[in-house]
Every structure is written in structure tokens, then in C-alpha cells.
N, C-alpha and C. Protein backbone atom coordinates (compact mmCIF):
# COMPACT_ATOMS: atom_id res chain seq x y z
N MET A 1 4.77 27.15 7.43
CA MET A 1 5.73 26.24 6.89
C MET A 1 5.11 24.86 6.62
N PHE A 2 4.20 24.42 7.48
CA PHE A 2 3.52 23.13 7.30
C PHE A 2 2.85 23.07 5.93
N ASP A 3 2.12 24.11 5.58
CA ASP A 3 1.43 24.14 4.29
C ASP A 3 2.41 24.19 3.12
N GLU A 4 3.53 24.85 3.29
CA GLU A 4 4.54 24.91 2.23
C GLU A 4 5.20 23.55 2.02
N MET A 5 5.47 22.84 3.11
CA MET A 5 6.14 21.55 3.00
C MET A 5 5.22 20.48 2.43
N LEU A 6 3.95 20.58 2.72
CA LEU A 6 2.98 19.56 2.29
C LEU A 6 1.90 20.21 1.43
N LYS A 7 2.34 20.95 0.43
CA LYS A 7 1.42 21.82 -0.30
C LYS A 7 0.38 21.09 -1.14
N TYR A 8 0.56 19.81 -1.44
CA TYR A 8 -0.44 19.09 -2.24
C TYR A 8 -1.33 18.17 -1.40
N ARG A 9 -1.16 18.15 -0.09
CA ARG A 9 -1.90 17.19 0.74
C ARG A 9 -3.41 17.38 0.66
N ASN A 10 -3.88 18.57 0.35
CA ASN A 10 -5.32 18.82 0.23
C ASN A 10 -5.78 18.97 -1.22
N ASP A 11 -4.94 18.55 -2.15
CA ASP A 11 -5.29 18.59 -3.56
C ASP A 11 -6.43 17.61 -3.82
N PRO A 12 -7.39 17.96 -4.65
CA PRO A 12 -8.51 17.04 -4.93
C PRO A 12 -8.08 15.70 -5.50
N ARG A 13 -6.88 15.62 -6.07
CA ARG A 13 -6.39 14.34 -6.62
C ARG A 13 -5.86 13.42 -5.54
N CYS A 14 -5.72 13.90 -4.32
CA CYS A 14 -5.20 13.10 -3.21
C CYS A 14 -6.35 12.44 -2.45
N LYS A 15 -6.25 11.14 -2.25
CA LYS A 15 -7.29 10.41 -1.54
C LYS A 15 -7.40 10.80 -0.07
N ALA A 16 -6.32 11.30 0.51
CA ALA A 16 -6.35 11.71 1.92
C ALA A 16 -6.67 13.21 2.05
N ASN A 17 -7.18 13.80 1.01
CA ASN A 17 -7.51 15.22 0.99
C ASN A 17 -8.29 15.60 2.25
N GLY A 18 -7.73 16.55 3.02
CA GLY A 18 -8.39 17.03 4.23
C GLY A 18 -8.11 16.23 5.49
N PHE A 19 -7.43 15.09 5.38
CA PHE A 19 -7.21 14.23 6.55
C PHE A 19 -6.06 14.73 7.42
N TYR A 20 -4.93 15.06 6.80
CA TYR A 20 -3.74 15.48 7.54
C TYR A 20 -3.79 16.99 7.76
N THR A 21 -4.01 17.41 9.00
CA THR A 21 -4.12 18.83 9.29
C THR A 21 -2.98 19.27 10.22
N TYR A 22 -2.72 20.55 10.21
CA TYR A 22 -1.70 21.11 11.10
C TYR A 22 -2.07 20.85 12.56
N ASN A 23 -3.31 21.10 12.93
CA ASN A 23 -3.73 20.89 14.32
C ASN A 23 -3.57 19.43 14.75
N ALA A 24 -3.89 18.50 13.87
CA ALA A 24 -3.73 17.09 14.19
C ALA A 24 -2.25 16.76 14.40
N PHE A 25 -1.37 17.34 13.56
CA PHE A 25 0.06 17.12 13.71
C PHE A 25 0.55 17.65 15.06
N ILE A 26 0.15 18.88 15.40
CA ILE A 26 0.58 19.48 16.66
C ILE A 26 0.10 18.65 17.85
N ASN A 27 -1.15 18.21 17.81
CA ASN A 27 -1.68 17.39 18.91
C ASN A 27 -0.93 16.07 19.03
N ALA A 28 -0.61 15.45 17.90
CA ALA A 28 0.14 14.19 17.94
C ALA A 28 1.56 14.43 18.44
N ALA A 29 2.20 15.49 17.98
CA ALA A 29 3.57 15.80 18.39
C ALA A 29 3.67 16.04 19.89
N ARG A 30 2.66 16.62 20.45
CA ARG A 30 2.66 16.88 21.90
C ARG A 30 2.63 15.59 22.72
N SER A 31 2.24 14.50 22.10
CA SER A 31 2.20 13.21 22.78
C SER A 31 3.59 12.61 22.98
N TYR A 32 4.59 13.17 22.29
CA TYR A 32 5.95 12.64 22.33
C TYR A 32 6.87 13.70 22.92
N ASN A 33 7.15 13.59 24.21
CA ASN A 33 8.03 14.55 24.88
C ASN A 33 9.35 14.66 24.14
N GLY A 34 9.76 15.88 23.90
CA GLY A 34 11.05 16.12 23.29
C GLY A 34 11.05 16.16 21.78
N PHE A 35 9.94 15.77 21.15
CA PHE A 35 9.91 15.79 19.69
C PHE A 35 10.02 17.23 19.20
N SER A 36 11.12 17.51 18.57
CA SER A 36 11.40 18.84 17.99
C SER A 36 11.32 19.97 19.01
N THR A 37 11.61 19.65 20.26
CA THR A 37 11.60 20.69 21.30
C THR A 37 12.90 20.73 22.09
N THR A 38 13.84 19.84 21.76
CA THR A 38 15.11 19.81 22.49
C THR A 38 16.26 20.05 21.53
N GLY A 39 17.38 20.46 22.07
CA GLY A 39 18.55 20.74 21.24
C GLY A 39 18.50 22.15 20.68
N SER A 40 19.44 22.44 19.82
CA SER A 40 19.52 23.77 19.22
C SER A 40 18.39 23.97 18.21
N ALA A 41 18.19 25.20 17.78
CA ALA A 41 17.18 25.49 16.76
C ALA A 41 17.49 24.70 15.49
N GLU A 42 18.75 24.57 15.15
CA GLU A 42 19.14 23.80 13.96
C GLU A 42 18.80 22.32 14.14
N ASP A 43 19.05 21.77 15.32
CA ASP A 43 18.70 20.38 15.62
C ASP A 43 17.20 20.15 15.47
N ARG A 44 16.41 21.08 15.99
CA ARG A 44 14.95 20.94 15.91
C ARG A 44 14.48 21.00 14.46
N ARG A 45 15.05 21.88 13.67
CA ARG A 45 14.69 21.96 12.24
C ARG A 45 15.07 20.67 11.52
N ARG A 46 16.23 20.13 11.82
CA ARG A 46 16.65 18.87 11.19
C ARG A 46 15.73 17.72 11.57
N GLU A 47 15.33 17.68 12.83
CA GLU A 47 14.42 16.61 13.27
C GLU A 47 13.09 16.70 12.52
N LEU A 48 12.55 17.89 12.40
CA LEU A 48 11.30 18.06 11.66
C LEU A 48 11.47 17.71 10.18
N ALA A 49 12.57 18.16 9.58
CA ALA A 49 12.83 17.86 8.17
C ALA A 49 12.94 16.36 7.94
N ALA A 50 13.64 15.66 8.82
CA ALA A 50 13.78 14.21 8.69
C ALA A 50 12.43 13.52 8.86
N PHE A 51 11.66 13.97 9.84
CA PHE A 51 10.34 13.37 10.06
C PHE A 51 9.44 13.55 8.85
N PHE A 52 9.33 14.79 8.36
CA PHE A 52 8.46 15.04 7.21
C PHE A 52 8.99 14.40 5.94
N GLY A 53 10.31 14.31 5.79
CA GLY A 53 10.88 13.63 4.63
C GLY A 53 10.48 12.16 4.60
N GLN A 54 10.61 11.48 5.74
CA GLN A 54 10.26 10.06 5.81
C GLN A 54 8.76 9.83 5.67
N THR A 55 7.96 10.57 6.41
CA THR A 55 6.52 10.34 6.38
C THR A 55 5.91 10.75 5.05
N SER A 56 6.46 11.79 4.42
CA SER A 56 5.96 12.19 3.10
C SER A 56 6.27 11.12 2.07
N HIS A 57 7.46 10.53 2.17
CA HIS A 57 7.84 9.45 1.26
C HIS A 57 6.87 8.27 1.37
N GLU A 58 6.47 7.94 2.57
CA GLU A 58 5.59 6.79 2.79
C GLU A 58 4.15 7.05 2.34
N THR A 59 3.78 8.29 2.14
CA THR A 59 2.39 8.61 1.78
C THR A 59 2.30 9.37 0.46
N THR A 60 3.37 9.33 -0.35
CA THR A 60 3.37 10.12 -1.57
C THR A 60 2.30 9.66 -2.56
N GLY A 61 1.73 10.62 -3.23
CA GLY A 61 0.73 10.33 -4.25
C GLY A 61 1.17 10.84 -5.60
N GLY A 62 2.44 11.20 -5.71
CA GLY A 62 2.95 11.77 -6.95
C GLY A 62 3.21 10.74 -8.03
N TRP A 63 3.38 11.20 -9.21
CA TRP A 63 3.71 10.38 -10.36
C TRP A 63 4.93 11.02 -11.01
N SER A 64 5.57 10.35 -11.94
CA SER A 64 6.86 10.80 -12.46
C SER A 64 6.81 12.21 -13.05
N SER A 65 5.72 12.61 -13.66
CA SER A 65 5.63 13.95 -14.26
C SER A 65 4.78 14.91 -13.42
N ALA A 66 4.57 14.59 -12.15
CA ALA A 66 3.74 15.43 -11.27
C ALA A 66 4.38 16.80 -11.08
N PRO A 67 3.55 17.84 -10.90
CA PRO A 67 4.11 19.16 -10.61
C PRO A 67 5.04 19.10 -9.40
N ASP A 68 6.20 19.66 -9.52
CA ASP A 68 7.24 19.68 -8.48
C ASP A 68 7.83 18.31 -8.20
N GLY A 69 7.53 17.30 -9.00
CA GLY A 69 8.11 15.96 -8.85
C GLY A 69 7.25 15.05 -7.99
N ALA A 70 7.49 13.78 -8.15
CA ALA A 70 6.68 12.76 -7.47
C ALA A 70 6.69 12.87 -5.96
N PHE A 71 7.81 13.26 -5.38
CA PHE A 71 7.91 13.26 -3.92
C PHE A 71 7.43 14.55 -3.28
N ALA A 72 6.92 15.47 -4.07
CA ALA A 72 6.32 16.70 -3.52
C ALA A 72 4.88 16.44 -3.09
N TRP A 73 4.39 15.26 -3.34
CA TRP A 73 2.98 14.93 -3.09
C TRP A 73 2.79 14.08 -1.85
N GLY A 74 3.61 14.30 -0.84
CA GLY A 74 3.48 13.56 0.41
C GLY A 74 2.15 13.82 1.09
N TYR A 75 1.72 12.86 1.85
CA TYR A 75 0.48 12.93 2.63
C TYR A 75 -0.76 12.88 1.74
N CYS A 76 -0.64 12.25 0.57
CA CYS A 76 -1.79 12.10 -0.33
C CYS A 76 -2.60 10.84 -0.02
N PHE A 77 -1.97 9.87 0.63
CA PHE A 77 -2.65 8.61 0.89
C PHE A 77 -2.63 8.29 2.38
N LEU A 78 -3.61 7.53 2.80
CA LEU A 78 -3.66 7.05 4.18
C LEU A 78 -2.91 5.74 4.34
N ARG A 79 -2.79 4.98 3.25
CA ARG A 79 -2.10 3.70 3.29
C ARG A 79 -1.50 3.41 1.93
N GLN A 80 -0.60 2.44 1.91
CA GLN A 80 0.06 2.03 0.67
C GLN A 80 -0.98 1.59 -0.34
N GLN A 81 -0.82 1.99 -1.59
CA GLN A 81 -1.81 1.68 -2.61
C GLN A 81 -1.68 0.27 -3.16
N ASP A 82 -0.47 -0.22 -3.33
CA ASP A 82 -0.27 -1.59 -3.81
C ASP A 82 -0.28 -2.51 -2.60
N GLN A 83 -1.39 -3.19 -2.39
CA GLN A 83 -1.53 -4.03 -1.22
C GLN A 83 -1.38 -5.51 -1.56
N SER A 84 -0.63 -5.80 -2.64
CA SER A 84 -0.43 -7.19 -3.04
C SER A 84 0.60 -7.90 -2.17
N ASP A 85 1.43 -7.13 -1.46
CA ASP A 85 2.42 -7.72 -0.57
C ASP A 85 1.72 -8.31 0.66
N ARG A 86 2.41 -9.24 1.31
CA ARG A 86 1.88 -9.80 2.55
C ARG A 86 1.70 -8.69 3.58
N TYR A 87 2.65 -7.78 3.60
CA TYR A 87 2.55 -6.63 4.50
C TYR A 87 2.46 -5.37 3.65
N TYR A 88 1.64 -4.45 4.03
CA TYR A 88 1.60 -3.17 3.34
C TYR A 88 1.48 -2.06 4.37
N GLY A 89 1.94 -0.89 3.98
CA GLY A 89 1.96 0.25 4.88
C GLY A 89 0.58 0.75 5.23
N ARG A 90 0.47 1.29 6.43
CA ARG A 90 -0.83 1.77 6.90
C ARG A 90 -0.73 3.19 7.43
N GLY A 91 -0.03 4.05 6.74
CA GLY A 91 0.07 5.42 7.18
C GLY A 91 1.47 5.97 7.07
N PRO A 92 1.67 7.16 7.59
CA PRO A 92 2.96 7.80 7.40
C PRO A 92 4.12 7.20 8.19
N ILE A 93 3.86 6.51 9.26
CA ILE A 93 4.94 5.86 10.01
C ILE A 93 4.78 4.37 9.84
N GLN A 94 5.73 3.76 9.11
CA GLN A 94 5.64 2.35 8.78
C GLN A 94 6.19 1.50 9.92
N LEU A 95 5.46 0.50 10.28
CA LEU A 95 5.86 -0.45 11.33
C LEU A 95 6.00 -1.81 10.69
N THR A 96 6.92 -2.61 11.15
CA THR A 96 7.07 -3.95 10.63
C THR A 96 6.57 -4.96 11.64
N GLN A 97 6.25 -6.12 11.14
CA GLN A 97 5.73 -7.18 12.01
C GLN A 97 6.84 -7.93 12.67
């Protein structure tokens, strides 16, 4: 399912090609007790869907005419590409100052 949800993350057009792996995700998830391991099966699926929806949005590399749409290209970048703002994103989970 990981590969289906993030099917373009290893595309040669993505700058983060090869960076985001299933094993890295599992290792990181294990650091957070209860992440997608509590509640009903439906609750756990919703938590994962919300997490991947948000993090994919923050790392999208798609363009308006991209195959499957712009937001199908999550996990293409390690950081926000337009860094002209005082603050710019540095990965899939955005933190504010």
C-alpha cells in the first residue's frame, strides 16, 4: 500500500528520489507510541490516510498536468522549493517558529 500511495516518490523527476523508503517510515513510526496502532481498524486507516495526505501535500512535486494530478506526486522534495519566504518548509512535517 505504501508504494501505491506514494507511487511517484522514486520517479527520476523527483529530487528526493530514493530518500523516502518504507523501512524509514516504519522505523520513524515506531518512535511514536500509538501512531496508527490504537483504535479500530478504521481509525488506524484514517490516521494513516490523514498523515500521508498532509505530508504528501507538503512535499508534492507535481505540476498542473502531471500524470494522476499534481497532488499524486507527494514525497518528491525534501524541502519547499520556493525559499523566498522568511520561513520555508523543511520536509514532510511543517513546523512553525
